[in-house]
PDB file of N, CA and C in Angstrom:
ATOM      1  N   MET A   1      28.229   9.818   3.985  1.00  0.00           N
ATOM      2  CA  MET A   1      27.321   9.702   5.108  1.00  0.00           C
ATOM      3  C   MET A   1      28.013  10.267   6.349  1.00  0.00           C
ATOM      4  N   GLU A   2      27.282  11.004   7.133  1.00  0.00           N
ATOM      5  CA  GLU A   2      27.809  11.605   8.354  1.00  0.00           C
ATOM      6  C   GLU A   2      28.268  10.516   9.323  1.00  0.00           C
ATOM      7  N   GLN A   3      29.413  10.757   9.955  1.00  0.00           N
ATOM      8  CA  GLN A   3      29.961   9.773  10.885  1.00  0.00           C
ATOM      9  C   GLN A   3      29.016   9.552  12.070  1.00  0.00           C
ATOM     10  N   GLY A   4      28.806   8.299  12.424  1.00  0.00           N
ATOM     11  CA  GLY A   4      27.943   7.967  13.552  1.00  0.00           C
ATOM     12  C   GLY A   4      26.466   7.883  13.209  1.00  0.00           C
ATOM     13  N   VAL A   5      26.125   8.141  11.948  1.00  0.00           N
ATOM     14  CA  VAL A   5      24.725   8.076  11.531  1.00  0.00           C
ATOM     15  C   VAL A   5      24.527   6.812  10.699  1.00  0.00           C
ATOM     16  N   TRP A   6      23.550   6.018  11.079  1.00  0.00           N
ATOM     17  CA  TRP A   6      23.235   4.801  10.339  1.00  0.00           C
ATOM     18  C   TRP A   6      21.740   4.800  10.067  1.00  0.00           C
ATOM     19  N   PRO A   7      21.318   4.973   8.800  1.00  0.00           N
ATOM     20  CA  PRO A   7      19.896   5.111   8.488  1.00  0.00           C
ATOM     21  C   PRO A   7      19.097   3.808   8.559  1.00  0.00           C
ATOM     22  N   SER A   8      17.822   3.961   8.656  1.00  0.00           N
ATOM     23  CA  SER A   8      16.868   2.859   8.550  1.00  0.00           C
ATOM     24  C   SER A   8      16.140   3.034   7.227  1.00  0.00           C
ATOM     25  N   ASN A   9      16.172   2.016   6.388  1.00  0.00           N
ATOM     26  CA  ASN A   9      15.592   2.112   5.052  1.00  0.00           C
ATOM     27  C   ASN A   9      14.302   1.320   4.943  1.00  0.00           C
ATOM     28  N   TYR A  10      13.262   1.975   4.497  1.00  0.00           N
ATOM     29  CA  TYR A  10      11.984   1.309   4.253  1.00  0.00           C
ATOM     30  C   TYR A  10      11.235   2.081   3.184  1.00  0.00           C
ATOM     31  N   LEU A  11      10.377   1.400   2.475  1.00  0.00           N
ATOM     32  CA  LEU A  11       9.610   2.025   1.398  1.00  0.00           C
ATOM     33  C   LEU A  11       8.121   2.082   1.695  1.00  0.00           C
ATOM     34  N   SER A  12       7.648   1.293   2.635  1.00  0.00           N
ATOM     35  CA  SER A  12       6.240   1.363   3.010  1.00  0.00           C
ATOM     36  C   SER A  12       6.070   0.822   4.420  1.00  0.00           C
ATOM     37  N   ASN A  13       4.861   1.003   4.950  1.00  0.00           N
ATOM     38  CA  ASN A  13       4.545   0.510   6.291  1.00  0.00           C
ATOM     39  C   ASN A  13       3.036   0.352   6.414  1.00  0.00           C
ATOM     40  N   HIS A  14       2.546   0.127   7.612  1.00  0.00           N
ATOM     41  CA  HIS A  14       1.125  -0.131   7.822  1.00  0.00           C
ATOM     42  C   HIS A  14       0.240   1.099   7.611  1.00  0.00           C
ATOM     43  N   ASP A  15       0.836   2.261   7.464  1.00  0.00           N
ATOM     44  CA  ASP A  15       0.072   3.493   7.246  1.00  0.00           C
ATOM     45  C   ASP A  15       0.188   4.032   5.832  1.00  0.00           C
ATOM     46  N   SER A  16       0.653   3.225   4.909  1.00  0.00           N
ATOM     47  CA  SER A  16       0.837   3.726   3.547  1.00  0.00           C
ATOM     48  C   SER A  16       0.352   2.710   2.516  1.00  0.00           C
ATOM     49  N   ARG A  17       0.287   3.191   1.292  1.00  0.00           N
ATOM     50  CA  ARG A  17      -0.063   2.292   0.198  1.00  0.00           C
ATOM     51  C   ARG A  17       1.088   1.324  -0.041  1.00  0.00           C
ATOM     52  N   ARG A  18       0.809   0.258  -0.738  1.00  0.00           N
ATOM     53  CA  ARG A  18       1.838  -0.726  -1.069  1.00  0.00           C
ATOM     54  C   ARG A  18       2.857  -0.085  -1.999  1.00  0.00           C
ATOM     55  N   GLN A  19       4.145  -0.391  -1.776  1.00  0.00           N
ATOM     56  CA  GLN A  19       5.218   0.266  -2.507  1.00  0.00           C
ATOM     57  C   GLN A  19       5.155   0.034  -4.015  1.00  0.00           C
ATOM     58  N   VAL A  20       4.764  -1.145  -4.451  1.00  0.00           N
ATOM     59  CA  VAL A  20       4.713  -1.425  -5.893  1.00  0.00           C
ATOM     60  C   VAL A  20       3.660  -0.544  -6.563  1.00  0.00           C
ATOM     61  N   THR A  21       2.546  -0.315  -5.900  1.00  0.00           N
ATOM     62  CA  THR A  21       1.509   0.553  -6.447  1.00  0.00           C
ATOM     63  C   THR A  21       1.938   2.016  -6.378  1.00  0.00           C
ATOM     64  N   TYR A  22       2.556   2.415  -5.285  1.00  0.00           N
ATOM     65  CA  TYR A  22       2.913   3.816  -5.065  1.00  0.00           C
ATOM     66  C   TYR A  22       4.076   4.275  -5.940  1.00  0.00           C
ATOM     67  N   TYR A  23       5.151   3.512  -5.969  1.00  0.00           N
ATOM     68  CA  TYR A  23       6.347   3.917  -6.696  1.00  0.00           C
ATOM     69  C   TYR A  23       6.471   3.280  -8.070  1.00  0.00           C
ATOM     70  N   GLY A  24       5.856   2.128  -8.265  1.00  0.00           N
ATOM     71  CA  GLY A  24       6.035   1.390  -9.506  1.00  0.00           C
ATOM     72  C   GLY A  24       4.787   1.361 -10.365  1.00  0.00           C
ATOM     73  N   ASN A  25       4.722   0.363 -11.209  1.00  0.00           N
ATOM     74  CA  ASN A  25       3.578   0.146 -12.083  1.00  0.00           C
ATOM     75  C   ASN A  25       3.022  -1.229 -11.725  1.00  0.00           C
ATOM     76  N   ASP A  26       1.913  -1.228 -10.985  1.00  0.00           N
ATOM     77  CA  ASP A  26       1.388  -2.500 -10.481  1.00  0.00           C
ATOM     78  C   ASP A  26       0.506  -3.239 -11.480  1.00  0.00           C
ATOM     79  N   LYS A  27       0.338  -2.690 -12.655  1.00  0.00           N
ATOM     80  CA  LYS A  27      -0.474  -3.366 -13.671  1.00  0.00           C
ATOM     81  C   LYS A  27       0.438  -4.031 -14.709  1.00  0.00           C
ATOM     82  N   GLU A  28       1.126  -3.199 -15.480  1.00  0.00           N
ATOM     83  CA  GLU A  28       1.945  -3.696 -16.576  1.00  0.00           C
ATOM     84  C   GLU A  28       3.269  -4.303 -16.122  1.00  0.00           C
ATOM     85  N   TYR A  29       3.884  -3.699 -15.108  1.00  0.00           N
ATOM     86  CA  TYR A  29       5.228  -4.107 -14.700  1.00  0.00           C
ATOM     87  C   TYR A  29       5.305  -4.417 -13.205  1.00  0.00           C
ATOM     88  N   ARG A  30       4.328  -5.137 -12.672  1.00  0.00           N
ATOM     89  CA  ARG A  30       4.307  -5.429 -11.243  1.00  0.00           C
ATOM     90  C   ARG A  30       5.562  -6.176 -10.800  1.00  0.00           C
ATOM     91  N   LYS A  31       5.899  -7.238 -11.506  1.00  0.00           N
ATOM     92  CA  LYS A  31       7.051  -8.056 -11.130  1.00  0.00           C
ATOM     93  C   LYS A  31       8.356  -7.258 -11.225  1.00  0.00           C
ATOM     94  N   GLU A  32       8.523  -6.539 -12.317  1.00  0.00           N
ATOM     95  CA  GLU A  32       9.729  -5.750 -12.517  1.00  0.00           C
ATOM     96  C   GLU A  32       9.829  -4.623 -11.488  1.00  0.00           C
ATOM     97  N   SER A  33       8.695  -3.974 -11.215  1.00  0.00           N
ATOM     98  CA  SER A  33       8.673  -2.890 -10.226  1.00  0.00           C
ATOM     99  C   SER A  33       9.041  -3.417  -8.845  1.00  0.00           C
ATOM    100  N   ALA A  34       8.470  -4.559  -8.464  1.00  0.00           N
ATOM    101  CA  ALA A  34       8.758  -5.143  -7.152  1.00  0.00           C
ATOM    102  C   ALA A  34      10.229  -5.490  -7.017  1.00  0.00           C
ATOM    103  N   LYS A  35      10.803  -6.077  -8.063  1.00  0.00           N
ATOM    104  CA  LYS A  35      12.216  -6.444  -8.021  1.00  0.00           C
ATOM    105  C   LYS A  35      13.106  -5.207  -7.931  1.00  0.00           C
ATOM    106  N   LEU A  36      12.805  -4.192  -8.720  1.00  0.00           N
ATOM    107  CA  LEU A  36      13.594  -2.972  -8.699  1.00  0.00           C
ATOM    108  C   LEU A  36      13.550  -2.302  -7.328  1.00  0.00           C
ATOM    109  N   LEU A  37      12.372  -2.234  -6.729  1.00  0.00           N
ATOM    110  CA  LEU A  37      12.237  -1.613  -5.410  1.00  0.00           C
ATOM    111  C   LEU A  37      12.964  -2.416  -4.341  1.00  0.00           C
ATOM    112  N   ALA A  38      12.951  -3.739  -4.448  1.00  0.00           N
ATOM    113  CA  ALA A  38      13.685  -4.579  -3.495  1.00  0.00           C
ATOM    114  C   ALA A  38      15.186  -4.352  -3.626  1.00  0.00           C
ATOM    115  N   VAL A  39      15.676  -4.265  -4.858  1.00  0.00           N
ATOM    116  CA  VAL A  39      17.101  -3.998  -5.078  1.00  0.00           C
ATOM    117  C   VAL A  39      17.464  -2.628  -4.513  1.00  0.00           C
ATOM    118  N   LEU A  40      16.652  -1.635  -4.796  1.00  0.00           N
ATOM    119  CA  LEU A  40      16.903  -0.285  -4.282  1.00  0.00           C
ATOM    120  C   LEU A  40      16.986  -0.292  -2.758  1.00  0.00           C
ATOM    121  N   ASN A  41      16.009  -0.882  -2.117  1.00  0.00           N
ATOM    122  CA  ASN A  41      15.943  -0.883  -0.659  1.00  0.00           C
ATOM    123  C   ASN A  41      17.090  -1.666  -0.021  1.00  0.00           C
ATOM    124  N   ASN A  42      17.573  -2.684  -0.718  1.00  0.00           N
ATOM    125  CA  ASN A  42      18.615  -3.542  -0.147  1.00  0.00           C
ATOM    126  C   ASN A  42      20.038  -3.151  -0.518  1.00  0.00           C
ATOM    127  N   THR A  43      20.215  -2.165  -1.363  1.00  0.00           N
ATOM    128  CA  THR A  43      21.576  -1.794  -1.774  1.00  0.00           C
ATOM    129  C   THR A  43      22.036  -0.452  -1.220  1.00  0.00           C
ATOM    130  N   VAL A  44      21.171   0.315  -0.622  1.00  0.00           N
ATOM    131  CA  VAL A  44      21.616   1.573  -0.001  1.00  0.00           C
ATOM    132  C   VAL A  44      22.100   1.259   1.413  1.00  0.00           C
ATOM    133  N   PRO A  45      23.062   2.022   1.913  1.00  0.00           N
ATOM    134  CA  PRO A  45      23.589   1.748   3.262  1.00  0.00           C
ATOM    135  C   PRO A  45      22.519   1.904   4.336  1.00  0.00           C
ATOM    136  N   GLY A  46      22.565   1.063   5.336  1.00  0.00           N
ATOM    137  CA  GLY A  46      21.643   1.170   6.455  1.00  0.00           C
ATOM    138  C   GLY A  46      20.933  -0.136   6.746  1.00  0.00           C
ATOM    139  N   ASN A  47      20.098  -0.104   7.769  1.00  0.00           N
ATOM    140  CA  ASN A  47      19.277  -1.267   8.124  1.00  0.00           C
ATOM    141  C   ASN A  47      18.067  -1.309   7.214  1.00  0.00           C
ATOM    142  N   VAL A  48      17.815  -2.462   6.641  1.00  0.00           N
ATOM    143  CA  VAL A  48      16.695  -2.636   5.719  1.00  0.00           C
ATOM    144  C   VAL A  48      15.481  -3.156   6.474  1.00  0.00           C
ATOM    145  N   TYR A  49      14.342  -2.528   6.252  1.00  0.00           N
ATOM    146  CA  TYR A  49      13.082  -2.983   6.813  1.00  0.00           C
ATOM    147  C   TYR A  49      12.132  -3.255   5.669  1.00  0.00           C
ATOM    148  N   MET A  50      11.531  -4.435   5.666  1.00  0.00           N
ATOM    149  CA  MET A  50      10.539  -4.780   4.655  1.00  0.00           C
ATOM    150  C   MET A  50       9.225  -5.032   5.373  1.00  0.00           C
ATOM    151  N   TYR A  51       8.196  -4.344   4.928  1.00  0.00           N
ATOM    152  CA  TYR A  51       6.886  -4.525   5.520  1.00  0.00           C
ATOM    153  C   TYR A  51       6.252  -5.781   4.943  1.00  0.00           C
ATOM    154  N   GLN A  52       5.457  -6.484   5.751  1.00  0.00           N
ATOM    155  CA  GLN A  52       4.861  -7.746   5.309  1.00  0.00           C
ATOM    156  C   GLN A  52       4.155  -7.598   3.960  1.00  0.00           C
ATOM    157  N   GLY A  53       4.516  -8.461   3.054  1.00  0.00           N
ATOM    158  CA  GLY A  53       3.956  -8.448   1.709  1.00  0.00           C
ATOM    159  C   GLY A  53       4.913  -7.898   0.669  1.00  0.00           C
ATOM    160  N   GLU A  54       5.888  -7.089   1.092  1.00  0.00           N
ATOM    161  CA  GLU A  54       6.843  -6.528   0.129  1.00  0.00           C
ATOM    162  C   GLU A  54       7.690  -7.618  -0.519  1.00  0.00           C
ATOM    163  N   GLU A  55       7.967  -8.680   0.238  1.00  0.00           N
ATOM    164  CA  GLU A  55       8.831  -9.738  -0.289  1.00  0.00           C
ATOM    165  C   GLU A  55       8.175 -10.511  -1.426  1.00  0.00           C
ATOM    166  N   ILE A  56       6.862 -10.405  -1.585  1.00  0.00           N
ATOM    167  CA  ILE A  56       6.175 -11.056  -2.706  1.00  0.00           C
ATOM    168  C   ILE A  56       5.564 -10.038  -3.663  1.00  0.00           C
ATOM    169  N   GLY A  57       5.879  -8.765  -3.472  1.00  0.00           N
ATOM    170  CA  GLY A  57       5.406  -7.720  -4.385  1.00  0.00           C
ATOM    171  C   GLY A  57       3.919  -7.431  -4.290  1.00  0.00           C
ATOM    172  N   MET A  58       3.357  -7.487  -3.080  1.00  0.00           N
ATOM    173  CA  MET A  58       1.922  -7.210  -2.926  1.00  0.00           C
ATOM    174  C   MET A  58       1.590  -5.794  -3.408  1.00  0.00           C
ATOM    175  N   THR A  59       0.410  -5.664  -3.979  1.00  0.00           N
ATOM    176  CA  THR A  59      -0.063  -4.369  -4.463  1.00  0.00           C
ATOM    177  C   THR A  59      -1.254  -3.915  -3.624  1.00  0.00           C
ATOM    178  N   ASN A  60      -1.752  -2.728  -3.925  1.00  0.00           N
ATOM    179  CA  ASN A  60      -2.906  -2.210  -3.198  1.00  0.00           C
ATOM    180  C   ASN A  60      -4.094  -3.155  -3.314  1.00  0.00           C
ATOM    181  N   ALA A  61      -4.959  -3.097  -2.318  1.00  0.00           N
ATOM    182  CA  ALA A  61      -6.173  -3.918  -2.315  1.00  0.00           C
ATOM    183  C   ALA A  61      -7.146  -3.424  -3.376  1.00  0.00           C
ATOM    184  N   ASP A  62      -8.024  -4.296  -3.794  1.00  0.00           N
ATOM    185  CA  ASP A  62      -9.043  -3.940  -4.784  1.00  0.00           C
ATOM    186  C   ASP A  62     -10.363  -3.650  -4.079  1.00  0.00           C
ATOM    187  N   PHE A  63     -10.395  -2.566  -3.315  1.00  0.00           N
ATOM    188  CA  PHE A  63     -11.629  -2.185  -2.641  1.00  0.00           C
ATOM    189  C   PHE A  63     -12.650  -1.758  -3.692  1.00  0.00           C
ATOM    190  N   GLU A  64     -13.883  -2.206  -3.515  1.00  0.00           N
ATOM    191  CA  GLU A  64     -14.933  -1.875  -4.474  1.00  0.00           C
ATOM    192  C   GLU A  64     -15.825  -0.747  -3.996  1.00  0.00           C
ATOM    193  N   ASN A  65     -15.933  -0.570  -2.672  1.00  0.00           N
ATOM    194  CA  ASN A  65     -16.754   0.516  -2.141  1.00  0.00           C
ATOM    195  C   ASN A  65     -16.297   0.856  -0.725  1.00  0.00           C
ATOM    196  N   LEU A  66     -16.831   1.940  -0.201  1.00  0.00           N
ATOM    197  CA  LEU A  66     -16.401   2.454   1.096  1.00  0.00           C
ATOM    198  C   LEU A  66     -16.701   1.499   2.249  1.00  0.00           C
ATOM    199  N   SER A  67     -17.686   0.631   2.094  1.00  0.00           N
ATOM    200  CA  SER A  67     -18.012  -0.303   3.175  1.00  0.00           C
ATOM    201  C   SER A  67     -16.882  -1.302   3.426  1.00  0.00           C
ATOM    202  N   GLN A  68     -15.996  -1.489   2.468  1.00  0.00           N
ATOM    203  CA  GLN A  68     -14.864  -2.401   2.620  1.00  0.00           C
ATOM    204  C   GLN A  68     -13.662  -1.727   3.288  1.00  0.00           C
ATOM    205  N   VAL A  69     -13.717  -0.411   3.428  1.00  0.00           N
ATOM    206  CA  VAL A  69     -12.611   0.354   4.006  1.00  0.00           C
ATOM    207  C   VAL A  69     -12.864   0.542   5.499  1.00  0.00           C
ATOM    208  N   GLU A  70     -11.895   0.171   6.325  1.00  0.00           N
ATOM    209  CA  GLU A  70     -12.046   0.289   7.773  1.00  0.00           C
ATOM    210  C   GLU A  70     -11.347   1.523   8.341  1.00  0.00           C
ATOM    211  N   ASP A  71     -10.427   2.103   7.611  1.00  0.00           N
ATOM    212  CA  ASP A  71      -9.638   3.240   8.082  1.00  0.00           C
ATOM    213  C   ASP A  71     -10.533   4.446   8.380  1.00  0.00           C
ATOM    214  N   ILE A  72     -10.582   4.864   9.636  1.00  0.00           N
ATOM    215  CA  ILE A  72     -11.441   5.978  10.046  1.00  0.00           C
ATOM    216  C   ILE A  72     -11.046   7.270   9.330  1.00  0.00           C
ATOM    217  N   GLU A  73      -9.759   7.448   9.087  1.00  0.00           N
ATOM    218  CA  GLU A  73      -9.305   8.642   8.381  1.00  0.00           C
ATOM    219  C   GLU A  73      -9.910   8.704   6.979  1.00  0.00           C
ATOM    220  N   SER A  74      -9.989   7.572   6.308  1.00  0.00           N
ATOM    221  CA  SER A  74     -10.591   7.526   4.970  1.00  0.00           C
ATOM    222  C   SER A  74     -12.068   7.901   5.023  1.00  0.00           C
ATOM    223  N   HIS A  75     -12.778   7.406   6.028  1.00  0.00           N
ATOM    224  CA  HIS A  75     -14.198   7.744   6.174  1.00  0.00           C
ATOM    225  C   HIS A  75     -14.374   9.230   6.463  1.00  0.00           C
ATOM    226  N   ASN A  76     -13.496   9.802   7.274  1.00  0.00           N
ATOM    227  CA  ASN A  76     -13.579  11.231   7.578  1.00  0.00           C
ATOM    228  C   ASN A  76     -13.282  12.089   6.346  1.00  0.00           C
ATOM    229  N   ILE A  77     -12.291  11.683   5.567  1.00  0.00           N
ATOM    230  CA  ILE A  77     -11.964  12.407   4.336  1.00  0.00           C
ATOM    231  C   ILE A  77     -13.133  12.342   3.364  1.00  0.00           C
ATOM    232  N   TYR A  78     -13.726  11.171   3.234  1.00  0.00           N
ATOM    233  CA  TYR A  78     -14.860  10.998   2.331  1.00  0.00           C
ATOM    234  C   TYR A  78     -16.025  11.909   2.751  1.00  0.00           C
ATOM    235  N   ALA A  79     -16.317  11.941   4.054  1.00  0.00           N
ATOM    236  CA  ALA A  79     -17.417  12.774   4.565  1.00  0.00           C
ATOM    237  C   ALA A  79     -17.128  14.256   4.347  1.00  0.00           C
ATOM    238  N   MET A  80     -15.895  14.673   4.584  1.00  0.00           N
ATOM    239  CA  MET A  80     -15.541  16.075   4.388  1.00  0.00           C
ATOM    240  C   MET A  80     -15.641  16.457   2.910  1.00  0.00           C
ATOM    241  N   ALA A  81     -15.162  15.580   2.045  1.00  0.00           N
ATOM    242  CA  ALA A  81     -15.233  15.841   0.606  1.00  0.00           C
ATOM    243  C   ALA A  81     -16.691  15.927   0.146  1.00  0.00           C
ATOM    244  N   LYS A  82     -17.549  15.121   0.737  1.00  0.00           N
ATOM    245  CA  LYS A  82     -18.977  15.162   0.405  1.00  0.00           C
ATOM    246  C   LYS A  82     -19.578  16.507   0.819  1.00  0.00           C
ATOM    247  N   LYS A  83     -19.227  16.978   2.022  1.00  0.00           N
ATOM    248  CA  LYS A  83     -19.714  18.281   2.497  1.00  0.00           C
ATOM    249  C   LYS A  83     -19.243  19.417   1.601  1.00  0.00           C
ATOM    250  N   LEU A  84     -18.053  19.263   1.029  1.00  0.00           N
ATOM    251  CA  LEU A  84     -17.500  20.282   0.138  1.00  0.00           C
ATOM    252  C   LEU A  84     -18.075  20.207  -1.269  1.00  0.00           C
ATOM    253  N   GLY A  85     -18.934  19.214  -1.511  1.00  0.00           N
ATOM    254  CA  GLY A  85     -19.586  19.094  -2.817  1.00  0.00           C
ATOM    255  C   GLY A  85     -18.761  18.386  -3.878  1.00  0.00           C
ATOM    256  N   ILE A  86     -17.751  17.672  -3.466  1.00  0.00           N
ATOM    257  CA  ILE A  86     -16.936  16.935  -4.427  1.00  0.00           C
ATOM    258  C   ILE A  86     -17.729  15.716  -4.894  1.00  0.00           C
ATOM    259  N   PRO A  87     -17.831  15.507  -6.209  1.00  0.00           N
ATOM    260  CA  PRO A  87     -18.632  14.397  -6.746  1.00  0.00           C
ATOM    261  C   PRO A  87     -18.165  13.031  -6.231  1.00  0.00           C
ATOM    262  N   ALA A  88     -19.112  12.113  -6.074  1.00  0.00           N
ATOM    263  CA  ALA A  88     -18.843  10.778  -5.517  1.00  0.00           C
ATOM    264  C   ALA A  88     -17.711  10.033  -6.227  1.00  0.00           C
ATOM    265  N   PRO A  89     -17.652  10.017  -7.568  1.00  0.00           N
ATOM    266  CA  PRO A  89     -16.551   9.287  -8.215  1.00  0.00           C
ATOM    267  C   PRO A  89     -15.170   9.859  -7.855  1.00  0.00           C
ATOM    268  N   LEU A  90     -15.088  11.162  -7.718  1.00  0.00           N
ATOM    269  CA  LEU A  90     -13.826  11.789  -7.349  1.00  0.00           C
ATOM    270  C   LEU A  90     -13.482  11.513  -5.886  1.00  0.00           C
ATOM    271  N   ARG A  91     -14.505  11.503  -5.020  1.00  0.00           N
ATOM    272  CA  ARG A  91     -14.286  11.162  -3.606  1.00  0.00           C
ATOM    273  C   ARG A  91     -13.727   9.747  -3.494  1.00  0.00           C
ATOM    274  N   TRP A  92     -14.310   8.825  -4.244  1.00  0.00           N
ATOM    275  CA  TRP A  92     -13.866   7.436  -4.188  1.00  0.00           C
ATOM    276  C   TRP A  92     -12.435   7.309  -4.719  1.00  0.00           C
ATOM    277  N   LYS A  93     -12.113   8.054  -5.760  1.00  0.00           N
ATOM    278  CA  LYS A  93     -10.755   8.044  -6.303  1.00  0.00           C
ATOM    279  C   LYS A  93      -9.763   8.554  -5.256  1.00  0.00           C
ATOM    280  N   MET A  94     -10.160   9.566  -4.495  1.00  0.00           N
ATOM    281  CA  MET A  94      -9.315  10.093  -3.417  1.00  0.00           C
ATOM    282  C   MET A  94      -9.042   9.009  -2.380  1.00  0.00           C
ATOM    283  N   ILE A  95     -10.069   8.273  -2.011  1.00  0.00           N
ATOM    284  CA  ILE A  95      -9.919   7.227  -1.001  1.00  0.00           C
ATOM    285  C   ILE A  95      -8.996   6.125  -1.505  1.00  0.00           C
ATOM    286  N   LEU A  96      -9.156   5.714  -2.746  1.00  0.00           N
ATOM    287  CA  LEU A  96      -8.307   4.662  -3.306  1.00  0.00           C
ATOM    288  C   LEU A  96      -6.841   5.079  -3.342  1.00  0.00           C
ATOM    289  N   ARG A  97      -6.581   6.368  -3.500  1.00  0.00           N
ATOM    290  CA  ARG A  97      -5.198   6.855  -3.560  1.00  0.00           C
ATOM    291  C   ARG A  97      -4.583   7.079  -2.185  1.00  0.00           C
ATOM    292  N   THR A  98      -5.402   7.281  -1.160  1.00  0.00           N
ATOM    293  CA  THR A  98      -4.839   7.682   0.134  1.00  0.00           C
ATOM    294  C   THR A  98      -5.103   6.732   1.296  1.00  0.00           C
ATOM    295  N   SER A  99      -5.999   5.789   1.152  1.00  0.00           N
ATOM    296  CA  SER A  99      -6.378   4.946   2.285  1.00  0.00           C
ATOM    297  C   SER A  99      -5.201   4.164   2.865  1.00  0.00           C
ATOM    298  N   ARG A 100      -5.122   4.155   4.170  1.00  0.00           N
ATOM    299  CA  ARG A 100      -4.083   3.398   4.863  1.00  0.00           C
ATOM    300  C   ARG A 100      -4.400   1.909   4.884  1.00  0.00           C
ATOM    301  N   ASP A 101      -5.619   1.536   4.518  1.00  0.00           N
ATOM    302  CA  ASP A 101      -6.017   0.128   4.527  1.00  0.00           C
ATOM    303  C   ASP A 101      -5.250  -0.711   3.507  1.00  0.00           C
ATOM    304  N   HIS A 102      -4.693  -0.087   2.478  1.00  0.00           N
ATOM    305  CA  HIS A 102      -3.935  -0.854   1.489  1.00  0.00           C
ATOM    306  C   HIS A 102      -2.778  -1.601   2.144  1.00  0.00           C
ATOM    307  N   GLY A 103      -2.114  -0.946   3.078  1.00  0.00           N
ATOM    308  CA  GLY A 103      -0.994  -1.572   3.766  1.00  0.00           C
ATOM    309  C   GLY A 103      -1.410  -2.441   4.929  1.00  0.00           C
ATOM    310  N   ARG A 104      -2.695  -2.550   5.165  1.00  0.00           N
ATOM    311  CA  ARG A 104      -3.196  -3.310   6.315  1.00  0.00           C
ATOM    312  C   ARG A 104      -3.937  -4.583   5.911  1.00  0.00           C
ATOM    313  N   THR A 105      -3.928  -4.907   4.640  1.00  0.00           N
ATOM    314  CA  THR A 105      -4.596  -6.126   4.194  1.00  0.00           C
ATOM    315  C   THR A 105      -3.742  -7.340   4.566  1.00  0.00           C
ATOM    316  N   PRO A 106      -4.359  -8.490   4.774  1.00  0.00           N
ATOM    317  CA  PRO A 106      -3.602  -9.683   5.168  1.00  0.00           C
ATOM    318  C   PRO A 106      -2.602 -10.135   4.103  1.00  0.00           C
ATOM    319  N   MET A 107      -1.585 -10.792   4.541  1.00  0.00           N
ATOM    320  CA  MET A 107      -0.583 -11.367   3.653  1.00  0.00           C
ATOM    321  C   MET A 107      -1.263 -12.361   2.715  1.00  0.00           C
ATOM    322  N   GLN A 108      -0.917 -12.305   1.435  1.00  0.00           N
ATOM    323  CA  GLN A 108      -1.496 -13.213   0.450  1.00  0.00           C
ATOM    324  C   GLN A 108      -0.745 -14.543   0.494  1.00  0.00           C
ATOM    325  N   TRP A 109      -1.449 -15.602   0.856  1.00  0.00           N
ATOM    326  CA  TRP A 109      -0.807 -16.909   0.941  1.00  0.00           C
ATOM    327  C   TRP A 109      -0.868 -17.673  -0.368  1.00  0.00           C
ATOM    328  N   ASP A 110      -1.929 -17.466  -1.142  1.00  0.00           N
ATOM    329  CA  ASP A 110      -2.016 -18.124  -2.444  1.00  0.00           C
ATOM    330  C   ASP A 110      -3.007 -17.361  -3.321  1.00  0.00           C
ATOM    331  N   ALA A 111      -3.312 -17.898  -4.490  1.00  0.00           N
ATOM    332  CA  ALA A 111      -4.154 -17.208  -5.455  1.00  0.00           C
ATOM    333  C   ALA A 111      -5.652 -17.524  -5.295  1.00  0.00           C
ATOM    334  N   SER A 112      -6.025 -18.272  -4.265  1.00  0.00           N
ATOM    335  CA  SER A 112      -7.424 -18.620  -4.071  1.00  0.00           C
ATOM    336  C   SER A 112      -8.222 -17.432  -3.523  1.00  0.00           C
ATOM    337  N   LYS A 113      -9.528 -17.624  -3.389  1.00  0.00           N
ATOM    338  CA  LYS A 113     -10.401 -16.590  -2.842  1.00  0.00           C
ATOM    339  C   LYS A 113      -9.887 -16.152  -1.471  1.00  0.00           C
ATOM    340  N   ASN A 114      -9.947 -14.865  -1.186  1.00  0.00           N
ATOM    341  CA  ASN A 114      -9.455 -14.280   0.066  1.00  0.00           C
ATOM    342  C   ASN A 114      -7.971 -14.531   0.276  1.00  0.00           C
ATOM    343  N   ALA A 115      -7.230 -14.737  -0.809  1.00  0.00           N
ATOM    344  CA  ALA A 115      -5.769 -14.912  -0.811  1.00  0.00           C
ATOM    345  C   ALA A 115      -5.313 -16.097   0.033  1.00  0.00           C
ATOM    346  N   GLY A 116      -6.208 -17.039   0.296  1.00  0.00           N
ATOM    347  CA  GLY A 116      -5.854 -18.194   1.103  1.00  0.00           C
ATOM    348  C   GLY A 116      -5.733 -17.880   2.573  1.00  0.00           C
ATOM    349  N   PHE A 117      -6.086 -16.656   2.946  1.00  0.00           N
ATOM    350  CA  PHE A 117      -5.940 -16.217   4.336  1.00  0.00           C
ATOM    351  C   PHE A 117      -7.103 -16.710   5.198  1.00  0.00           C
ATOM    352  N   THR A 118      -8.281 -16.760   4.583  1.00  0.00           N
ATOM    353  CA  THR A 118      -9.466 -17.164   5.349  1.00  0.00           C
ATOM    354  C   THR A 118     -10.518 -17.750   4.416  1.00  0.00           C
ATOM    355  N   ALA A 119     -11.357 -18.577   4.938  1.00  0.00           N
ATOM    356  CA  ALA A 119     -12.477 -19.100   4.167  1.00  0.00           C
ATOM    357  C   ALA A 119     -13.711 -18.220   4.367  1.00  0.00           C
ATOM    358  N   GLY A 120     -13.631 -17.275   5.287  1.00  0.00           N
ATOM    359  CA  GLY A 120     -14.753 -16.400   5.635  1.00  0.00           C
ATOM    360  C   GLY A 120     -14.874 -15.207   4.749  1.00  0.00           C
TER     361      GLY A 120
END
């Protein structure tokens, strides 16, 4: 490492998908992927930053349709893809892969409805 340089280490933030979904396997190996990514992030030199939810291995949200997505960029991409004639299922797949809303969902407090975050 270059002298006088001290890196900041992070794997995700509020503008990206959840790290377990992006880098790991959030279906078959969610727990193992989360642990491996935590070890990776905490063993390289530098300051470690963990975005809320990484400490419990949160994965991407299960959005069912565009009305659940608040990210304006996702809505603009969807509209542009529609103008270009890209079929609706492919447009939706694009949004699920790129939406910044995945990293903006509330912290999961428990396994109840709405992750225990709200009764609303």
